[in-house]
Amino acid sequence: MKYLSEYRDPALVAQYLEDIRQVVTRPWVIMEICGGQTHSLVKNGLLDLLPKEIQLVHGPGCPVCVTPIRLIDQAVHLALNEHVILCSFGDMVRVPGSTKSLLEAKAAGADVRMLYSPLEALKIAKENPQREVVFFAVGFETTAPANALSVLQALQEGITNYSILTSHVLVPPAMEALLSDETNIVQGFLAAGHVCTIMGMGEYYPLVEKFKVPVVITGFEPVDLLQGIAMVVKQLERGEHRLENQYSRMVTAAGNRAAREVIDRVFETSDREWRGMGTIPGSGYELRGAYAAYDASHKFQVPAVRASENKACIAGEILRGRKKPNQCTEFGTRCTPASPQGAPMVSSEGACAAYHHYVHVSERPVSG
């Protein structure tokens, strides 16, 4: 295939749906890790086209969704400093903290700016040498290279009024945490193709072998996802557990070596707290000691805030694949994109936002 439209071809969609129907003989629970995959599944109505035996549950692959409230509170704390310009991706500014969101801080007078790239924040730092510019660096392995490069460029150019508040999380440790949970119901995974484009495939082989679970790396278009589901189901039906690469047009075994090198140069792995999932060992990136001058937490001595989750929000259950968004009593009533109770209703990759925006979604309950 050469063109994007081919991955949306109704004839190929029908072909892969038929492939799944032909092979499936019993119920299976499959998790798509990435929020982009969730949105594609819901937007294109694929959840309702699948055979009733196939249950798709939605994973924690939305970095905005899994950023804990305490980090949002730290970002708000920095934004309310009159000497700071706080820069962030757009989704992040609307996520509720324990008292307010960054957008509410902006309404209260904080200088909060929504950007598409940390390099834009670096440009703002150069243009405002009398102010401190902090970029709220949220994301999975996919955004880590750009954030690392912004630090290296600041160092190279001698820009001292730039720093990042790091909230990077890593996919494989989260998958291991899910599989290690005694209440886990997931029997196979669709792994995030964009993460593997950067990191390659090597980190998934140990998971496959340790937990005897099929993992298929997929893209984000309807044909990508249905082909990936078919590959997982065939393995499950045969009692197999292998790592397969549906997204071979983008993903190689080694990934992007240059991107991985810049990540390793600037960041080191650390334990990381995930919203609704607790602290997962080795699941985050922190700036190495050599770059401490660009670590906003270190630079501003940001207080270690302890914040409680909104008890009305079931984000943790949704991010673990235990519940669907429309099983939440707040969904579409008190919790909407205009008045979100939690991050999954805010983010462009959040499962709750997907269900809210695309009206007709499967009502099947989550079951193992």
Protein backbone atom coordinates (compact mmCIF):
# COMPACT_ATOMS: atom_id res chain seq x y z
CA MET A 1 0.00 0.00 0.00
CA LYS A 2 1.19 3.50 -0.87
CA TYR A 3 -1.55 5.88 0.22
CA LEU A 4 -3.32 6.65 3.49
CA SER A 5 -6.73 6.18 1.86
CA GLU A 6 -5.92 2.52 1.29
CA TYR A 7 -5.87 1.98 5.05
CA ARG A 8 -9.47 3.26 5.15
CA ASP A 9 -10.70 1.09 2.26
CA PRO A 10 -14.18 -0.31 3.11
CA ALA A 11 -13.45 -3.48 1.14
CA LEU A 12 -10.34 -4.19 3.22
CA VAL A 13 -12.23 -3.37 6.41
CA ALA A 14 -14.88 -5.92 5.41
CA GLN A 15 -12.18 -8.47 4.54
CA TYR A 16 -10.47 -8.26 7.93
CA LEU A 17 -13.80 -8.32 9.77
CA GLU A 18 -14.63 -11.52 7.91
CA ASP A 19 -11.20 -12.94 8.75
CA ILE A 20 -11.91 -12.33 12.43
CA ARG A 21 -15.39 -13.87 12.21
CA GLN A 22 -14.00 -16.95 10.51
CA VAL A 23 -11.38 -17.66 13.18
CA VAL A 24 -12.97 -16.62 16.47
CA THR A 25 -14.63 -19.40 18.49
CA ARG A 26 -14.76 -18.00 22.04
CA PRO A 27 -14.66 -14.67 23.92
CA TRP A 28 -11.36 -12.75 24.04
CA VAL A 29 -10.39 -9.48 25.73
CA ILE A 30 -7.90 -7.36 23.81
CA MET A 31 -6.50 -4.00 24.90
CA GLU A 32 -5.41 -1.26 22.54
CA ILE A 33 -2.74 0.67 24.43
CA CYS A 34 -2.82 4.01 22.64
CA GLY A 35 -5.51 6.67 22.93
CA GLY A 36 -5.07 7.43 19.23
CA GLN A 37 -6.05 3.84 18.50
CA THR A 38 -9.06 4.20 20.82
CA HIS A 39 -10.28 7.28 18.97
CA SER A 40 -9.93 5.56 15.60
CA LEU A 41 -11.83 2.49 16.82
CA VAL A 42 -14.67 4.59 18.21
CA LYS A 43 -14.80 7.23 15.47
CA ASN A 44 -14.99 4.59 12.73
CA GLY A 45 -17.56 2.44 14.55
CA LEU A 46 -15.27 -0.57 14.63
CA LEU A 47 -16.25 -1.62 18.17
CA ASP A 48 -19.78 -2.34 16.95
CA LEU A 49 -18.66 -4.12 13.78
CA LEU A 50 -16.53 -6.69 15.60
CA PRO A 51 -18.00 -10.09 16.47
CA LYS A 52 -19.63 -10.18 19.90
CA GLU A 53 -16.85 -12.50 21.12
CA ILE A 54 -14.22 -9.76 20.76
CA GLN A 55 -14.07 -7.28 23.61
CA LEU A 56 -11.82 -4.25 23.07
CA VAL A 57 -10.81 -2.46 26.28
CA HIS A 58 -8.99 0.84 26.37
CA GLY A 59 -5.54 1.18 27.91
CA PRO A 60 -3.46 3.87 29.61
CA GLY A 61 -1.84 5.12 26.41
CA CYS A 62 -2.86 8.76 26.80
CA PRO A 63 -0.06 10.76 28.47
CA VAL A 64 -2.34 13.63 29.42
CA CYS A 65 -4.75 11.14 31.04
CA VAL A 66 -2.14 9.43 33.19
CA THR A 67 -0.39 12.59 34.42
CA PRO A 68 -1.13 12.68 38.16
CA ILE A 69 -2.94 15.56 39.81
CA ARG A 70 0.11 16.44 41.91
CA LEU A 71 2.10 17.30 38.76
CA ILE A 72 -0.73 19.46 37.45
CA ASP A 73 -0.75 21.21 40.82
CA GLN A 74 3.02 21.75 40.52
CA ALA A 75 2.54 23.22 37.03
CA VAL A 76 -0.17 25.54 38.39
CA HIS A 77 2.16 26.51 41.26
CA LEU A 78 4.83 27.50 38.74
CA ALA A 79 2.35 29.30 36.49
CA LEU A 80 1.21 31.49 39.39
CA ASN A 81 4.79 32.70 39.85
CA GLU A 82 4.80 36.16 38.27
CA HIS A 83 8.31 35.60 36.94
CA VAL A 84 7.34 32.44 35.02
CA ILE A 85 5.86 31.87 31.58
CA LEU A 86 4.35 28.35 31.71
CA CYS A 87 4.12 26.65 28.31
CA SER A 88 2.18 23.47 27.58
CA PHE A 89 0.46 21.42 24.94
CA GLY A 90 -3.16 22.50 24.56
CA ASP A 91 -4.86 19.45 26.08
CA MET A 92 -2.89 19.74 29.30
CA VAL A 93 -4.12 23.22 30.21
CA ARG A 94 -7.73 22.04 30.73
CA VAL A 95 -7.02 19.04 32.95
CA PRO A 96 -8.33 19.69 36.47
CA GLY A 97 -5.84 19.87 39.32
CA SER A 98 -6.89 19.59 42.95
CA THR A 99 -7.90 23.27 43.06
CA LYS A 100 -7.66 24.60 39.50
CA SER A 101 -6.46 23.82 35.98
CA LEU A 102 -3.77 25.70 34.09
CA LEU A 103 -6.54 27.33 32.07
CA GLU A 104 -8.13 28.60 35.27
CA ALA A 105 -4.72 29.81 36.42
CA LYS A 106 -4.44 31.70 33.14
CA ALA A 107 -7.86 33.25 33.73
CA ALA A 108 -6.58 34.36 37.14
CA GLY A 109 -3.70 36.22 35.47
CA ALA A 110 -0.97 33.58 35.05
CA ASP A 111 1.05 33.70 31.83
CA VAL A 112 0.14 30.28 30.41
CA ARG A 113 0.79 29.68 26.72
CA MET A 114 -0.36 26.76 24.57
CA LEU A 115 2.26 25.52 22.13
CA TYR A 116 2.89 22.68 19.68
CA SER A 117 6.58 22.16 20.40
CA PRO A 118 9.14 22.72 23.18
CA LEU A 119 11.25 24.55 20.60
CA GLU A 120 8.57 27.25 20.56
CA ALA A 121 9.03 27.57 24.33
CA LEU A 122 12.77 27.89 23.82
CA LYS A 123 12.14 30.72 21.34
CA ILE A 124 9.95 32.47 23.93
CA ALA A 125 12.79 32.15 26.47
CA LYS A 126 15.20 33.82 24.05
CA GLU A 127 12.71 36.64 23.45
CA ASN A 128 12.04 37.15 27.18
CA PRO A 129 15.43 36.95 28.93
CA GLN A 130 14.02 38.66 32.03
CA ARG A 131 11.42 35.88 32.56
CA GLU A 132 11.72 32.17 33.35
CA VAL A 133 10.11 29.90 30.75
CA VAL A 134 8.96 26.43 31.83
CA PHE A 135 7.72 23.83 29.37
CA PHE A 136 5.40 21.19 30.83
CA ALA A 137 7.00 18.17 29.14
CA VAL A 138 4.23 15.57 29.01
CA GLY A 139 4.27 12.49 26.82
CA PHE A 140 5.36 8.97 26.06
CA GLU A 141 8.57 7.99 24.31
CA THR A 142 7.31 9.74 21.17
CA THR A 143 7.68 13.30 22.52
CA ALA A 144 10.83 12.64 24.58
CA PRO A 145 13.30 13.30 21.70
CA ALA A 146 11.96 16.82 21.04
CA ASN A 147 12.01 17.67 24.74
CA ALA A 148 15.56 16.32 25.05
CA LEU A 149 16.67 18.35 22.02
CA SER A 150 15.21 21.53 23.52
CA VAL A 151 17.42 21.03 26.58
CA LEU A 152 20.50 20.36 24.46
CA GLN A 153 19.81 23.42 22.32
CA ALA A 154 19.33 25.60 25.41
CA LEU A 155 22.66 24.36 26.73
CA GLN A 156 24.40 24.92 23.40
CA GLU A 157 23.05 28.47 23.06
CA GLY A 158 23.63 29.36 26.71
CA ILE A 159 19.93 29.97 27.40
CA THR A 160 19.63 29.83 31.18
CA ASN A 161 16.01 30.96 31.65
CA TYR A 162 14.52 27.78 30.15
CA SER A 163 13.55 24.56 31.97
CA ILE A 164 11.13 21.66 31.68
CA LEU A 165 8.73 20.12 34.17
CA THR A 166 9.03 16.47 33.20
CA SER A 167 6.08 14.09 33.10
CA HIS A 168 7.32 11.44 30.68
CA VAL A 169 5.91 7.94 30.99
CA LEU A 170 6.94 4.69 29.27
CA VAL A 171 4.62 2.10 27.74
CA PRO A 172 6.23 -1.34 28.40
CA PRO A 173 6.40 -0.92 32.22
CA ALA A 174 2.71 0.06 32.23
CA MET A 175 1.85 -3.07 30.26
CA GLU A 176 3.81 -5.15 32.76
CA ALA A 177 1.95 -3.51 35.65
CA LEU A 178 -1.39 -4.32 34.02
CA LEU A 179 -0.41 -7.93 33.36
CA SER A 180 0.95 -8.37 36.90
CA ASP A 181 -2.32 -7.23 38.46
CA GLU A 182 -4.24 -10.22 39.82
CA THR A 183 -7.49 -8.68 38.51
CA ASN A 184 -6.14 -8.39 34.95
CA ILE A 185 -8.55 -9.55 32.22
CA VAL A 186 -6.47 -8.58 29.17
CA GLN A 187 -5.47 -11.54 26.98
CA GLY A 188 -3.77 -9.74 24.09
CA PHE A 189 -2.46 -6.29 23.20
CA LEU A 190 -2.40 -3.90 20.28
CA ALA A 191 0.84 -2.02 20.96
CA ALA A 192 1.29 1.64 20.03
CA GLY A 193 2.91 1.97 16.61
CA HIS A 194 4.24 5.50 17.12
CA VAL A 195 6.08 4.52 20.33
CA CYS A 196 7.66 1.55 18.56
CA THR A 197 8.66 3.79 15.65
CA ILE A 198 10.96 5.53 18.13
CA MET A 199 11.91 2.71 20.49
CA GLY A 200 11.80 -0.35 18.24
CA MET A 201 10.50 -3.76 19.23
CA GLY A 202 13.03 -5.15 21.67
CA GLU A 203 11.28 -4.12 24.91
CA TYR A 204 8.21 -6.22 24.11
CA TYR A 205 9.79 -9.65 23.72
CA PRO A 206 10.33 -10.10 27.49
CA LEU A 207 6.67 -9.20 28.15
CA VAL A 208 5.45 -11.73 25.59
CA GLU A 209 7.57 -14.49 27.09
CA LYS A 210 6.99 -13.67 30.76
CA PHE A 211 3.21 -13.38 30.55
CA LYS A 212 2.55 -15.65 27.54
CA VAL A 213 0.49 -12.94 25.89
CA PRO A 214 0.24 -11.98 22.19
CA VAL A 215 1.36 -8.45 21.35
CA VAL A 216 0.82 -6.96 17.87
CA ILE A 217 2.25 -3.54 17.02
CA THR A 218 -0.31 -1.66 14.94
CA GLY A 219 -0.94 1.64 13.25
CA PHE A 220 -3.98 3.85 13.70
CA GLU A 221 -6.16 3.55 10.62
CA PRO A 222 -9.18 1.19 10.45
CA VAL A 223 -7.38 -1.38 8.30
CA ASP A 224 -4.32 -1.25 10.59
CA LEU A 225 -6.42 -1.91 13.66
CA LEU A 226 -8.58 -4.67 12.20
CA GLN A 227 -5.58 -6.46 10.73
CA GLY A 228 -3.89 -6.18 14.15
CA ILE A 229 -6.98 -7.55 15.91
CA ALA A 230 -7.12 -10.43 13.43
CA MET A 231 -3.46 -11.22 14.13
CA VAL A 232 -4.04 -11.22 17.90
CA VAL A 233 -7.17 -13.37 17.65
CA LYS A 234 -5.44 -15.96 15.46
CA GLN A 235 -2.67 -16.28 18.04
CA LEU A 236 -5.15 -16.58 20.90
CA GLU A 237 -7.20 -19.20 19.10
CA ARG A 238 -4.06 -21.24 18.42
CA GLY A 239 -2.74 -20.89 21.96
CA GLU A 240 0.28 -18.91 20.73
CA HIS A 241 2.06 -15.87 22.16
CA ARG A 242 4.33 -13.93 19.84
CA LEU A 243 5.32 -10.34 19.08
CA GLU A 244 4.18 -9.35 15.59
CA ASN A 245 4.57 -6.11 13.67
CA GLN A 246 1.53 -5.05 11.64
CA TYR A 247 2.94 -1.51 11.34
CA SER A 248 6.01 -2.56 9.38
CA ARG A 249 5.75 0.44 7.06
CA MET A 250 6.93 2.55 10.00
CA VAL A 251 8.32 0.28 12.74
CA THR A 252 11.68 -1.47 12.52
CA ALA A 253 13.29 -3.77 15.06
CA ALA A 254 15.76 -1.09 16.20
CA GLY A 255 13.46 1.93 15.98
CA ASN A 256 14.91 5.40 15.41
CA ARG A 257 18.50 5.14 16.61
CA ALA A 258 19.15 8.90 16.54
CA ALA A 259 16.04 9.61 18.62
CA ARG A 260 16.92 6.88 21.11
CA GLU A 261 20.46 8.23 21.47
CA VAL A 262 19.27 11.75 22.30
CA ILE A 263 16.78 10.36 24.83
CA ASP A 264 19.51 8.30 26.51
CA ARG A 265 21.85 11.28 26.55
CA VAL A 266 19.43 13.62 28.34
CA PHE A 267 17.09 11.36 30.32
CA GLU A 268 17.36 8.44 32.70
CA THR A 269 14.59 6.07 33.73
CA SER A 270 12.88 6.51 37.07
CA ASP A 271 9.84 5.37 38.99
CA ARG A 272 6.78 7.34 37.95
CA GLU A 273 3.32 7.91 39.39
CA TRP A 274 0.42 7.30 37.00
CA ARG A 275 -3.07 8.68 37.51
CA GLY A 276 -5.29 5.91 38.83
CA MET A 277 -2.51 3.31 38.63
CA GLY A 278 -0.11 4.34 41.37
CA THR A 279 3.68 4.36 41.08
CA ILE A 280 5.10 2.02 38.44
CA PRO A 281 8.83 1.18 38.77
CA GLY A 282 11.06 2.31 35.92
CA SER A 283 8.13 3.79 34.01
CA GLY A 284 9.29 7.39 33.59
CA TYR A 285 12.05 9.67 32.37
CA GLU A 286 13.84 12.26 34.50
CA LEU A 287 16.58 14.64 33.42
CA ARG A 288 20.06 13.34 34.16
CA GLY A 289 22.05 15.15 36.83
CA ALA A 290 24.19 16.89 34.22
CA TYR A 291 21.08 18.77 33.07
CA ALA A 292 19.69 19.63 36.52
CA ALA A 293 19.84 23.34 35.64
CA TYR A 294 17.04 22.67 33.13
CA ASP A 295 14.88 20.69 35.58
CA ALA A 296 12.06 23.00 36.72
CA SER A 297 11.36 20.91 39.84
CA HIS A 298 14.99 21.31 40.90
CA LYS A 299 15.39 24.90 39.72
CA PHE A 300 12.33 26.26 41.52
CA GLN A 301 12.26 23.81 44.44
CA VAL A 302 8.68 22.95 43.53
CA PRO A 303 6.89 21.57 46.61
CA ALA A 304 6.03 17.87 46.62
CA VAL A 305 2.26 18.26 46.56
CA ARG A 306 0.04 15.41 47.78
CA ALA A 307 -3.28 15.56 45.97
CA SER A 308 -6.27 13.23 45.98
CA GLU A 309 -8.11 12.08 42.88
CA ASN A 310 -11.65 13.27 42.26
CA LYS A 311 -13.75 10.50 43.80
CA ALA A 312 -16.45 10.99 41.18
CA CYS A 313 -14.00 10.17 38.37
CA ILE A 314 -13.32 6.51 37.47
CA ALA A 315 -10.29 7.34 35.30
CA GLY A 316 -8.20 4.66 37.01
CA GLU A 317 -10.72 1.94 36.17
CA ILE A 318 -10.95 3.13 32.57
CA LEU A 319 -7.17 3.39 32.13
CA ARG A 320 -6.78 -0.18 33.41
CA GLY A 321 -9.39 -1.45 30.95
CA ARG A 322 -11.77 -2.49 33.74
CA LYS A 323 -14.58 -0.16 32.73
CA LYS A 324 -15.77 1.71 29.65
CA PRO A 325 -16.41 5.48 29.79
CA ASN A 326 -20.16 5.08 29.36
CA GLN A 327 -20.25 2.91 32.49
CA CYS A 328 -19.40 5.97 34.59
CA THR A 329 -22.39 7.60 36.30
CA GLU A 330 -20.87 11.05 35.64
CA PHE A 331 -20.35 10.46 31.91
CA GLY A 332 -22.20 12.96 29.74
CA THR A 333 -23.95 14.52 32.75
CA ARG A 334 -21.63 16.21 35.24
CA CYS A 335 -18.58 15.17 33.20
CA THR A 336 -18.40 16.62 29.69
CA PRO A 337 -15.63 18.25 27.62
CA ALA A 338 -16.96 21.63 28.79
CA SER A 339 -16.81 20.62 32.48
CA PRO A 340 -14.46 17.63 32.76
CA GLN A 341 -14.20 15.74 36.05
CA GLY A 342 -11.00 14.03 34.91
CA ALA A 343 -8.32 13.95 32.24
CA PRO A 344 -9.80 11.24 29.95
CA MET A 345 -12.65 13.64 29.09
CA VAL A 346 -10.20 16.44 28.23
CA SER A 347 -7.46 14.88 26.15
CA SER A 348 -7.72 14.46 22.40
CA GLU A 349 -6.54 10.89 23.09
CA GLY A 350 -8.79 10.27 26.10
CA ALA A 351 -11.27 7.39 25.94
CA CYS A 352 -14.04 9.43 27.59
CA ALA A 353 -13.62 12.23 25.04
CA ALA A 354 -13.79 9.66 22.22
CA TYR A 355 -17.04 8.21 23.56
CA HIS A 356 -18.51 11.67 24.07
CA HIS A 357 -17.61 13.01 20.62
CA TYR A 358 -18.70 9.96 18.63
CA VAL A 359 -22.25 9.27 19.67
CA HIS A 360 -22.84 5.60 18.85
CA VAL A 361 -20.53 3.40 20.88
CA SER A 362 -20.72 -0.19 22.04
CA GLU A 363 -22.69 -0.78 25.24
CA ARG A 364 -21.04 -4.13 25.91
CA PRO A 365 -19.88 -4.35 29.53
CA VAL A 366 -16.26 -5.12 30.26
CA SER A 367 -15.97 -8.77 31.20
CA GLY A 368 -13.17 -11.29 31.44
